[in-house]
Amino acid sequence: MLSGALSGVYTVLGRRLRYSFVGYDFLLQLNPEELKAYAHEGRVFISRLATEIQNSVPIAKVSTSRFKGRDLSRTCSDKVTEAVKSWRANT
């Protein structure tokens, strides 16, 4: 996972999602299978993945979502934000 400083290249999906009346952020590091699908399908895959996350409601206590436990928002969002800011400043 995204531990320590962001020194390597990570592919993450960050989304603002809704569950009932609650909005929440979800930050996901793509696993090897997801990275392969992203490399092959691009934005189509990311869109489908985001929809799957939204529909599976991984924050719900009774959820059986395959994404449950993969949210990195609490531990890594500041690091990802800084990495994006740095990338934007250099492009």
C-alpha atoms as a PDB file:
ATOM      1  CA  MET A   1       0.000   0.000   0.000  1.00  0.00           C
ATOM      2  CA  LEU A   2       0.971   3.647  -0.021  1.00  0.00           C
ATOM      3  CA  SER A   3       3.238   3.590   3.000  1.00  0.00           C
ATOM      4  CA  GLY A   4       5.911   6.129   3.771  1.00  0.00           C
ATOM      5  CA  ALA A   5       6.703   8.892   1.308  1.00  0.00           C
ATOM      6  CA  LEU A   6       5.301   8.691  -2.179  1.00  0.00           C
ATOM      7  CA  SER A   7       8.587   7.891  -3.863  1.00  0.00           C
ATOM      8  CA  GLY A   8       7.356   5.506  -6.555  1.00  0.00           C
ATOM      9  CA  VAL A   9       4.629   5.580  -9.123  1.00  0.00           C
ATOM     10  CA  TYR A  10       1.201   4.644  -7.825  1.00  0.00           C
ATOM     11  CA  THR A  11      -2.037   4.416  -9.724  1.00  0.00           C
ATOM     12  CA  VAL A  12      -4.962   5.422  -7.580  1.00  0.00           C
ATOM     13  CA  LEU A  13      -8.614   6.188  -8.072  1.00  0.00           C
ATOM     14  CA  GLY A  14     -10.068   8.926  -5.922  1.00  0.00           C
ATOM     15  CA  ARG A  15     -13.805   9.497  -5.988  1.00  0.00           C
ATOM     16  CA  ARG A  16     -16.458  11.396  -4.090  1.00  0.00           C
ATOM     17  CA  LEU A  17     -19.293   8.917  -3.517  1.00  0.00           C
ATOM     18  CA  ARG A  18     -22.750   8.937  -1.967  1.00  0.00           C
ATOM     19  CA  TYR A  19     -24.491   6.433   0.272  1.00  0.00           C
ATOM     20  CA  SER A  20     -28.049   7.427   1.092  1.00  0.00           C
ATOM     21  CA  PHE A  21     -27.710  11.015   2.352  1.00  0.00           C
ATOM     22  CA  VAL A  22     -23.994  10.670   3.201  1.00  0.00           C
ATOM     23  CA  GLY A  23     -21.207  11.758   0.867  1.00  0.00           C
ATOM     24  CA  TYR A  24     -17.748  10.258   1.342  1.00  0.00           C
ATOM     25  CA  ASP A  25     -14.361  10.110  -0.317  1.00  0.00           C
ATOM     26  CA  PHE A  26     -12.890   6.822  -1.467  1.00  0.00           C
ATOM     27  CA  LEU A  27      -9.228   6.484  -2.456  1.00  0.00           C
ATOM     28  CA  LEU A  28      -8.192   3.181  -3.977  1.00  0.00           C
ATOM     29  CA  GLN A  29      -4.771   1.925  -5.039  1.00  0.00           C
ATOM     30  CA  LEU A  30      -5.266  -0.263  -8.088  1.00  0.00           C
ATOM     31  CA  ASN A  31      -4.201  -3.878  -7.629  1.00  0.00           C
ATOM     32  CA  PRO A  32      -2.257  -5.754 -10.364  1.00  0.00           C
ATOM     33  CA  GLU A  33      -5.405  -7.038 -12.089  1.00  0.00           C
ATOM     34  CA  GLU A  34      -6.966  -3.575 -12.062  1.00  0.00           C
ATOM     35  CA  LEU A  35      -3.742  -2.026 -13.383  1.00  0.00           C
ATOM     36  CA  LYS A  36      -3.733  -4.508 -16.266  1.00  0.00           C
ATOM     37  CA  ALA A  37      -7.360  -3.708 -17.104  1.00  0.00           C
ATOM     38  CA  TYR A  38      -6.629   0.022 -16.882  1.00  0.00           C
ATOM     39  CA  ALA A  39      -3.649  -0.343 -19.226  1.00  0.00           C
ATOM     40  CA  HIS A  40      -5.850  -2.209 -21.715  1.00  0.00           C
ATOM     41  CA  GLU A  41      -9.120  -0.235 -21.442  1.00  0.00           C
ATOM     42  CA  GLY A  42      -8.122   3.173 -20.053  1.00  0.00           C
ATOM     43  CA  ARG A  43     -10.887   5.537 -18.975  1.00  0.00           C
ATOM     44  CA  VAL A  44     -13.599   3.019 -19.831  1.00  0.00           C
ATOM     45  CA  PHE A  45     -12.236   0.703 -17.156  1.00  0.00           C
ATOM     46  CA  ILE A  46     -11.876   3.517 -14.596  1.00  0.00           C
ATOM     47  CA  SER A  47     -15.459   4.603 -15.203  1.00  0.00           C
ATOM     48  CA  ARG A  48     -16.719   1.043 -14.794  1.00  0.00           C
ATOM     49  CA  LEU A  49     -14.609   0.570 -11.652  1.00  0.00           C
ATOM     50  CA  ALA A  50     -15.922   3.798 -10.108  1.00  0.00           C
ATOM     51  CA  THR A  51     -19.494   2.698 -10.800  1.00  0.00           C
ATOM     52  CA  GLU A  52     -18.809  -0.712  -9.254  1.00  0.00           C
ATOM     53  CA  ILE A  53     -17.386   0.929  -6.129  1.00  0.00           C
ATOM     54  CA  GLN A  54     -20.372   3.293  -5.898  1.00  0.00           C
ATOM     55  CA  ASN A  55     -22.911   0.502  -6.330  1.00  0.00           C
ATOM     56  CA  SER A  56     -21.236  -1.877  -3.866  1.00  0.00           C
ATOM     57  CA  VAL A  57     -21.233   0.704  -1.020  1.00  0.00           C
ATOM     58  CA  PRO A  58     -17.995  -0.431   0.663  1.00  0.00           C
ATOM     59  CA  ILE A  59     -18.544   1.850   3.695  1.00  0.00           C
ATOM     60  CA  ALA A  60     -21.778   0.134   4.727  1.00  0.00           C
ATOM     61  CA  LYS A  61     -21.375  -2.208   7.698  1.00  0.00           C
ATOM     62  CA  VAL A  62     -23.268  -5.016   5.980  1.00  0.00           C
ATOM     63  CA  SER A  63     -21.541  -4.517   2.629  1.00  0.00           C
ATOM     64  CA  THR A  64     -19.844  -7.488   1.015  1.00  0.00           C
ATOM     65  CA  SER A  65     -18.063  -5.203  -1.450  1.00  0.00           C
ATOM     66  CA  ARG A  66     -14.732  -6.465  -2.759  1.00  0.00           C
ATOM     67  CA  PHE A  67     -13.491  -2.917  -2.076  1.00  0.00           C
ATOM     68  CA  LYS A  68     -14.262  -3.025   1.639  1.00  0.00           C
ATOM     69  CA  GLY A  69     -11.072  -2.366   3.555  1.00  0.00           C
ATOM     70  CA  ARG A  70      -9.252  -0.874   0.552  1.00  0.00           C
ATOM     71  CA  ASP A  71     -10.102   2.788   1.164  1.00  0.00           C
ATOM     72  CA  LEU A  72      -6.883   4.748   1.694  1.00  0.00           C
ATOM     73  CA  SER A  73      -8.547   8.143   2.217  1.00  0.00           C
ATOM     74  CA  ARG A  74      -7.762   8.421   5.909  1.00  0.00           C
ATOM     75  CA  THR A  75      -4.134   7.371   5.658  1.00  0.00           C
ATOM     76  CA  CYS A  76      -2.958   8.614   2.283  1.00  0.00           C
ATOM     77  CA  SER A  77      -5.122  11.446   0.965  1.00  0.00           C
ATOM     78  CA  ASP A  78      -2.668  14.175   2.036  1.00  0.00           C
ATOM     79  CA  LYS A  79       0.229  12.363   0.336  1.00  0.00           C
ATOM     80  CA  VAL A  80      -1.759  11.883  -2.854  1.00  0.00           C
ATOM     81  CA  THR A  81      -2.864  15.524  -2.838  1.00  0.00           C
ATOM     82  CA  GLU A  82       0.755  16.680  -2.511  1.00  0.00           C
ATOM     83  CA  ALA A  83       1.876  14.310  -5.277  1.00  0.00           C
ATOM     84  CA  VAL A  84      -0.834  15.658  -7.608  1.00  0.00           C
ATOM     85  CA  LYS A  85       0.086  19.259  -6.776  1.00  0.00           C
ATOM     86  CA  SER A  86       3.728  18.510  -7.528  1.00  0.00           C
ATOM     87  CA  TRP A  87       2.828  16.772 -10.784  1.00  0.00           C
ATOM     88  CA  ARG A  88       0.629  19.683 -11.891  1.00  0.00           C
ATOM     89  CA  ALA A  89       3.369  22.191 -11.068  1.00  0.00           C
ATOM     90  CA  ASN A  90       5.802  20.277 -13.261  1.00  0.00           C
ATOM     91  CA  THR A  91       3.572  19.753 -16.292  1.00  0.00           C
END
